[in-house]
PDB file of N, CA and C in Angstrom:
ATOM      1  N   MET A   1      93.198  46.993 171.862  1.00  0.00           N
ATOM      2  CA  MET A   1      92.272  46.371 170.945  1.00  0.00           C
ATOM      3  C   MET A   1      93.008  45.300 170.161  1.00  0.00           C
ATOM      4  N   SER A   2      92.396  44.154 170.033  1.00  0.00           N
ATOM      5  CA  SER A   2      93.028  43.061 169.305  1.00  0.00           C
ATOM      6  C   SER A   2      92.768  43.196 167.800  1.00  0.00           C
ATOM      7  N   VAL A   3      93.455  42.389 167.065  1.00  0.00           N
ATOM      8  CA  VAL A   3      93.316  42.416 165.605  1.00  0.00           C
ATOM      9  C   VAL A   3      91.911  41.973 165.203  1.00  0.00           C
ATOM     10  N   LEU A   4      91.346  41.017 165.925  1.00  0.00           N
ATOM     11  CA  LEU A   4      89.996  40.556 165.621  1.00  0.00           C
ATOM     12  C   LEU A   4      88.975  41.668 165.830  1.00  0.00           C
ATOM     13  N   GLN A   5      89.114  42.435 166.885  1.00  0.00           N
ATOM     14  CA  GLN A   5      88.192  43.540 167.134  1.00  0.00           C
ATOM     15  C   GLN A   5      88.315  44.615 166.061  1.00  0.00           C
ATOM     16  N   ILE A   6      89.511  44.888 165.623  1.00  0.00           N
ATOM     17  CA  ILE A   6      89.696  45.876 164.555  1.00  0.00           C
ATOM     18  C   ILE A   6      89.113  45.355 163.245  1.00  0.00           C
ATOM     19  N   ALA A   7      89.264  44.061 162.980  1.00  0.00           N
ATOM     20  CA  ALA A   7      88.697  43.478 161.763  1.00  0.00           C
ATOM     21  C   ALA A   7      87.176  43.548 161.781  1.00  0.00           C
ATOM     22  N   ILE A   8      86.573  43.286 162.923  1.00  0.00           N
ATOM     23  CA  ILE A   8      85.113  43.385 163.037  1.00  0.00           C
ATOM     24  C   ILE A   8      84.662  44.832 162.884  1.00  0.00           C
ATOM     25  N   ALA A   9      85.429  45.760 163.433  1.00  0.00           N
ATOM     26  CA  ALA A   9      85.080  47.180 163.302  1.00  0.00           C
ATOM     27  C   ALA A   9      85.176  47.641 161.853  1.00  0.00           C
ATOM     28  N   ALA A  10      86.031  47.023 161.062  1.00  0.00           N
ATOM     29  CA  ALA A  10      86.225  47.426 159.669  1.00  0.00           C
ATOM     30  C   ALA A  10      85.253  46.744 158.700  1.00  0.00           C
ATOM     31  N   LEU A  11      84.425  45.834 159.166  1.00  0.00           N
ATOM     32  CA  LEU A  11      83.510  45.127 158.273  1.00  0.00           C
ATOM     33  C   LEU A  11      82.571  46.047 157.483  1.00  0.00           C
ATOM     34  N   PRO A  12      81.944  47.039 158.089  1.00  0.00           N
ATOM     35  CA  PRO A  12      81.092  47.920 157.266  1.00  0.00           C
ATOM     36  C   PRO A  12      81.862  48.602 156.131  1.00  0.00           C
ATOM     37  N   PHE A  13      83.084  49.017 156.416  1.00  0.00           N
ATOM     38  CA  PHE A  13      83.894  49.641 155.369  1.00  0.00           C
ATOM     39  C   PHE A  13      84.200  48.648 154.254  1.00  0.00           C
ATOM     40  N   LEU A  14      84.554  47.428 154.619  1.00  0.00           N
ATOM     41  CA  LEU A  14      84.875  46.429 153.604  1.00  0.00           C
ATOM     42  C   LEU A  14      83.660  46.074 152.758  1.00  0.00           C
ATOM     43  N   PHE A  15      82.482  45.973 153.381  1.00  0.00           N
ATOM     44  CA  PHE A  15      81.259  45.701 152.622  1.00  0.00           C
ATOM     45  C   PHE A  15      80.891  46.869 151.717  1.00  0.00           C
ATOM     46  N   SER A  16      81.177  48.075 152.139  1.00  0.00           N
ATOM     47  CA  SER A  16      80.812  49.237 151.328  1.00  0.00           C
ATOM     48  C   SER A  16      81.661  49.359 150.073  1.00  0.00           C
ATOM     49  N   LEU A  17      82.809  48.715 150.035  1.00  0.00           N
ATOM     50  CA  LEU A  17      83.647  48.765 148.839  1.00  0.00           C
ATOM     51  C   LEU A  17      82.971  48.112 147.632  1.00  0.00           C
ATOM     52  N   VAL A  18      82.007  47.244 147.881  1.00  0.00           N
ATOM     53  CA  VAL A  18      81.266  46.599 146.798  1.00  0.00           C
ATOM     54  C   VAL A  18      80.379  47.603 146.080  1.00  0.00           C
ATOM     55  N   SER A  19      79.895  48.609 146.784  1.00  0.00           N
ATOM     56  CA  SER A  19      78.908  49.526 146.215  1.00  0.00           C
ATOM     57  C   SER A  19      79.484  50.474 145.170  1.00  0.00           C
ATOM     58  N   ARG A  20      80.768  50.790 145.246  1.00  0.00           N
ATOM     59  CA  ARG A  20      81.442  51.701 144.316  1.00  0.00           C
ATOM     60  C   ARG A  20      80.910  53.136 144.374  1.00  0.00           C
ATOM     61  N   ASN A  21      80.236  53.491 145.451  1.00  0.00           N
ATOM     62  CA  ASN A  21      79.743  54.849 145.641  1.00  0.00           C
ATOM     63  C   ASN A  21      80.653  55.520 146.659  1.00  0.00           C
ATOM     64  N   ILE A  22      81.313  56.594 146.267  1.00  0.00           N
ATOM     65  CA  ILE A  22      82.330  57.223 147.105  1.00  0.00           C
ATOM     66  C   ILE A  22      81.738  57.781 148.399  1.00  0.00           C
ATOM     67  N   HIS A  23      80.490  58.247 148.358  1.00  0.00           N
ATOM     68  CA  HIS A  23      79.872  58.799 149.562  1.00  0.00           C
ATOM     69  C   HIS A  23      79.605  57.697 150.597  1.00  0.00           C
ATOM     70  N   VAL A  24      79.153  56.562 150.133  1.00  0.00           N
ATOM     71  CA  VAL A  24      78.899  55.433 151.029  1.00  0.00           C
ATOM     72  C   VAL A  24      80.206  54.916 151.607  1.00  0.00           C
ATOM     73  N   ILE A  25      81.222  54.820 150.779  1.00  0.00           N
ATOM     74  CA  ILE A  25      82.521  54.328 151.249  1.00  0.00           C
ATOM     75  C   ILE A  25      83.094  55.270 152.300  1.00  0.00           C
ATOM     76  N   ALA A  26      82.987  56.568 152.063  1.00  0.00           N
ATOM     77  CA  ALA A  26      83.510  57.543 153.032  1.00  0.00           C
ATOM     78  C   ALA A  26      82.743  57.486 154.350  1.00  0.00           C
ATOM     79  N   LEU A  27      81.431  57.360 154.284  1.00  0.00           N
ATOM     80  CA  LEU A  27      80.632  57.282 155.503  1.00  0.00           C
ATOM     81  C   LEU A  27      80.947  56.014 156.299  1.00  0.00           C
ATOM     82  N   CYS A  28      81.089  54.893 155.615  1.00  0.00           N
ATOM     83  CA  CYS A  28      81.400  53.647 156.308  1.00  0.00           C
ATOM     84  C   CYS A  28      82.822  53.662 156.856  1.00  0.00           C
ATOM     85  N   LEU A  29      83.745  54.309 156.171  1.00  0.00           N
ATOM     86  CA  LEU A  29      85.097  54.452 156.705  1.00  0.00           C
ATOM     87  C   LEU A  29      85.069  55.292 157.973  1.00  0.00           C
ATOM     88  N   LEU A  30      84.297  56.359 157.960  1.00  0.00           N
ATOM     89  CA  LEU A  30      84.175  57.208 159.137  1.00  0.00           C
ATOM     90  C   LEU A  30      83.567  56.451 160.318  1.00  0.00           C
ATOM     91  N   THR A  31      82.524  55.679 160.072  1.00  0.00           N
ATOM     92  CA  THR A  31      81.913  54.925 161.163  1.00  0.00           C
ATOM     93  C   THR A  31      82.845  53.834 161.679  1.00  0.00           C
ATOM     94  N   SER A  32      83.647  53.235 160.807  1.00  0.00           N
ATOM     95  CA  SER A  32      84.614  52.235 161.262  1.00  0.00           C
ATOM     96  C   SER A  32      85.701  52.874 162.125  1.00  0.00           C
ATOM     97  N   ILE A  33      86.141  54.048 161.741  1.00  0.00           N
ATOM     98  CA  ILE A  33      87.143  54.763 162.551  1.00  0.00           C
ATOM     99  C   ILE A  33      86.543  55.156 163.896  1.00  0.00           C
ATOM    100  N   LEU A  34      85.311  55.631 163.880  1.00  0.00           N
ATOM    101  CA  LEU A  34      84.650  55.988 165.141  1.00  0.00           C
ATOM    102  C   LEU A  34      84.470  54.771 166.037  1.00  0.00           C
ATOM    103  N   THR A  35      84.176  53.624 165.452  1.00  0.00           N
ATOM    104  CA  THR A  35      84.033  52.400 166.234  1.00  0.00           C
ATOM    105  C   THR A  35      85.330  52.059 166.945  1.00  0.00           C
ATOM    106  N   VAL A  36      86.436  52.185 166.245  1.00  0.00           N
ATOM    107  CA  VAL A  36      87.736  51.906 166.865  1.00  0.00           C
ATOM    108  C   VAL A  36      88.049  52.933 167.942  1.00  0.00           C
ATOM    109  N   LEU A  37      87.779  54.199 167.669  1.00  0.00           N
ATOM    110  CA  LEU A  37      88.087  55.241 168.643  1.00  0.00           C
ATOM    111  C   LEU A  37      87.199  55.167 169.883  1.00  0.00           C
ATOM    112  N   LEU A  38      85.954  54.748 169.718  1.00  0.00           N
ATOM    113  CA  LEU A  38      85.027  54.661 170.831  1.00  0.00           C
ATOM    114  C   LEU A  38      84.997  53.284 171.484  1.00  0.00           C
ATOM    115  N   SER A  39      85.964  52.456 171.201  1.00  0.00           N
ATOM    116  CA  SER A  39      85.945  51.091 171.720  1.00  0.00           C
ATOM    117  C   SER A  39      86.029  51.044 173.240  1.00  0.00           C
ATOM    118  N   GLY A  40      86.490  52.099 173.877  1.00  0.00           N
ATOM    119  CA  GLY A  40      86.515  52.161 175.331  1.00  0.00           C
ATOM    120  C   GLY A  40      85.127  52.305 175.916  1.00  0.00           C
ATOM    121  N   GLU A  41      84.183  52.832 175.132  1.00  0.00           N
ATOM    122  CA  GLU A  41      82.790  52.980 175.546  1.00  0.00           C
ATOM    123  C   GLU A  41      81.940  52.090 174.638  1.00  0.00           C
ATOM    124  N   PRO A  42      81.679  50.846 175.055  1.00  0.00           N
ATOM    125  CA  PRO A  42      81.061  49.857 174.162  1.00  0.00           C
ATOM    126  C   PRO A  42      79.711  50.273 173.575  1.00  0.00           C
ATOM    127  N   HIS A  43      78.861  50.963 174.335  1.00  0.00           N
ATOM    128  CA  HIS A  43      77.542  51.304 173.805  1.00  0.00           C
ATOM    129  C   HIS A  43      77.642  52.283 172.644  1.00  0.00           C
ATOM    130  N   ARG A  44      78.539  53.226 172.734  1.00  0.00           N
ATOM    131  CA  ARG A  44      78.714  54.191 171.644  1.00  0.00           C
ATOM    132  C   ARG A  44      79.384  53.537 170.441  1.00  0.00           C
ATOM    133  N   ALA A  45      80.310  52.629 170.695  1.00  0.00           N
ATOM    134  CA  ALA A  45      80.977  51.931 169.593  1.00  0.00           C
ATOM    135  C   ALA A  45      79.990  51.057 168.829  1.00  0.00           C
ATOM    136  N   VAL A  46      79.090  50.413 169.538  1.00  0.00           N
ATOM    137  CA  VAL A  46      78.080  49.570 168.883  1.00  0.00           C
ATOM    138  C   VAL A  46      77.148  50.421 168.034  1.00  0.00           C
ATOM    139  N   MET A  47      76.783  51.593 168.525  1.00  0.00           N
ATOM    140  CA  MET A  47      75.911  52.475 167.750  1.00  0.00           C
ATOM    141  C   MET A  47      76.587  52.899 166.446  1.00  0.00           C
ATOM    142  N   ALA A  48      77.850  53.261 166.506  1.00  0.00           N
ATOM    143  CA  ALA A  48      78.583  53.661 165.295  1.00  0.00           C
ATOM    144  C   ALA A  48      78.704  52.484 164.341  1.00  0.00           C
ATOM    145  N   TRP A  49      78.997  51.288 164.874  1.00  0.00           N
ATOM    146  CA  TRP A  49      79.159  50.112 164.024  1.00  0.00           C
ATOM    147  C   TRP A  49      77.838  49.749 163.355  1.00  0.00           C
ATOM    148  N   CYS A  50      76.749  49.813 164.102  1.00  0.00           N
ATOM    149  CA  CYS A  50      75.433  49.481 163.536  1.00  0.00           C
ATOM    150  C   CYS A  50      75.034  50.457 162.434  1.00  0.00           C
ATOM    151  N   LEU A  51      75.333  51.726 162.620  1.00  0.00           N
ATOM    152  CA  LEU A  51      75.043  52.708 161.580  1.00  0.00           C
ATOM    153  C   LEU A  51      75.837  52.401 160.311  1.00  0.00           C
ATOM    154  N   GLY A  52      77.108  52.104 160.459  1.00  0.00           N
ATOM    155  CA  GLY A  52      77.930  51.756 159.302  1.00  0.00           C
ATOM    156  C   GLY A  52      77.464  50.476 158.630  1.00  0.00           C
ATOM    157  N   ALA A  53      77.089  49.484 159.423  1.00  0.00           N
ATOM    158  CA  ALA A  53      76.601  48.225 158.860  1.00  0.00           C
ATOM    159  C   ALA A  53      75.288  48.424 158.114  1.00  0.00           C
ATOM    160  N   LEU A  54      74.428  49.264 158.640  1.00  0.00           N
ATOM    161  CA  LEU A  54      73.155  49.553 157.978  1.00  0.00           C
ATOM    162  C   LEU A  54      73.375  50.244 156.639  1.00  0.00           C
ATOM    163  N   VAL A  55      74.223  51.247 156.625  1.00  0.00           N
ATOM    164  CA  VAL A  55      74.506  51.973 155.383  1.00  0.00           C
ATOM    165  C   VAL A  55      75.156  51.041 154.364  1.00  0.00           C
ATOM    166  N   ALA A  56      76.098  50.227 154.803  1.00  0.00           N
ATOM    167  CA  ALA A  56      76.783  49.312 153.891  1.00  0.00           C
ATOM    168  C   ALA A  56      75.833  48.257 153.340  1.00  0.00           C
ATOM    169  N   SER A  57      74.946  47.735 154.172  1.00  0.00           N
ATOM    170  CA  SER A  57      74.030  46.700 153.694  1.00  0.00           C
ATOM    171  C   SER A  57      73.043  47.259 152.670  1.00  0.00           C
ATOM    172  N   VAL A  58      72.570  48.485 152.879  1.00  0.00           N
ATOM    173  CA  VAL A  58      71.666  49.099 151.899  1.00  0.00           C
ATOM    174  C   VAL A  58      72.408  49.366 150.587  1.00  0.00           C
ATOM    175  N   ALA A  59      73.650  49.820 150.672  1.00  0.00           N
ATOM    176  CA  ALA A  59      74.430  50.101 149.469  1.00  0.00           C
ATOM    177  C   ALA A  59      74.724  48.823 148.685  1.00  0.00           C
ATOM    178  N   VAL A  60      75.044  47.755 149.385  1.00  0.00           N
ATOM    179  CA  VAL A  60      75.312  46.478 148.706  1.00  0.00           C
ATOM    180  C   VAL A  60      74.036  45.936 148.081  1.00  0.00           C
ATOM    181  N   ARG A  61      72.916  46.055 148.788  1.00  0.00           N
ATOM    182  CA  ARG A  61      71.650  45.592 148.236  1.00  0.00           C
ATOM    183  C   ARG A  61      71.294  46.361 146.968  1.00  0.00           C
ATOM    184  N   GLU A  62      71.479  47.666 146.966  1.00  0.00           N
ATOM    185  CA  GLU A  62      71.196  48.473 145.779  1.00  0.00           C
ATOM    186  C   GLU A  62      72.156  48.154 144.636  1.00  0.00           C
ATOM    187  N   ARG A  63      73.391  47.834 144.970  1.00  0.00           N
ATOM    188  CA  ARG A  63      74.362  47.478 143.938  1.00  0.00           C
ATOM    189  C   ARG A  63      73.946  46.186 143.235  1.00  0.00           C
ATOM    190  N   PHE A  64      73.524  45.186 144.020  1.00  0.00           N
ATOM    191  CA  PHE A  64      73.110  43.922 143.420  1.00  0.00           C
ATOM    192  C   PHE A  64      71.756  44.030 142.737  1.00  0.00           C
ATOM    193  N   ARG A  65      70.927  44.955 143.182  1.00  0.00           N
ATOM    194  CA  ARG A  65      69.647  45.166 142.527  1.00  0.00           C
ATOM    195  C   ARG A  65      69.850  45.747 141.120  1.00  0.00           C
ATOM    196  N   ALA A  66      70.901  46.554 140.964  1.00  0.00           N
ATOM    197  CA  ALA A  66      71.175  47.192 139.664  1.00  0.00           C
ATOM    198  C   ALA A  66      71.729  46.209 138.638  1.00  0.00           C
ATOM    199  N   ILE A  67      72.221  45.081 139.104  1.00  0.00           N
ATOM    200  CA  ILE A  67      72.823  44.101 138.173  1.00  0.00           C
ATOM    201  C   ILE A  67      71.774  43.347 137.418  1.00  0.00           C
TER     202      ILE A  67
END
């Protein structure tokens, strides 16, 4: 796996850091790790990444809504 692929896999985790909610951060970290581990099976890796991206986007939206 290249550095670019690992950086893309870590995007949900990085976006979730904005939310400051420990449960969201832990879930997005888990999905990012699963994405890296499942990179040999692209369909499963995409599913894990999409789940993490969805959770992170909702958490960021709620964080900005509270401001």
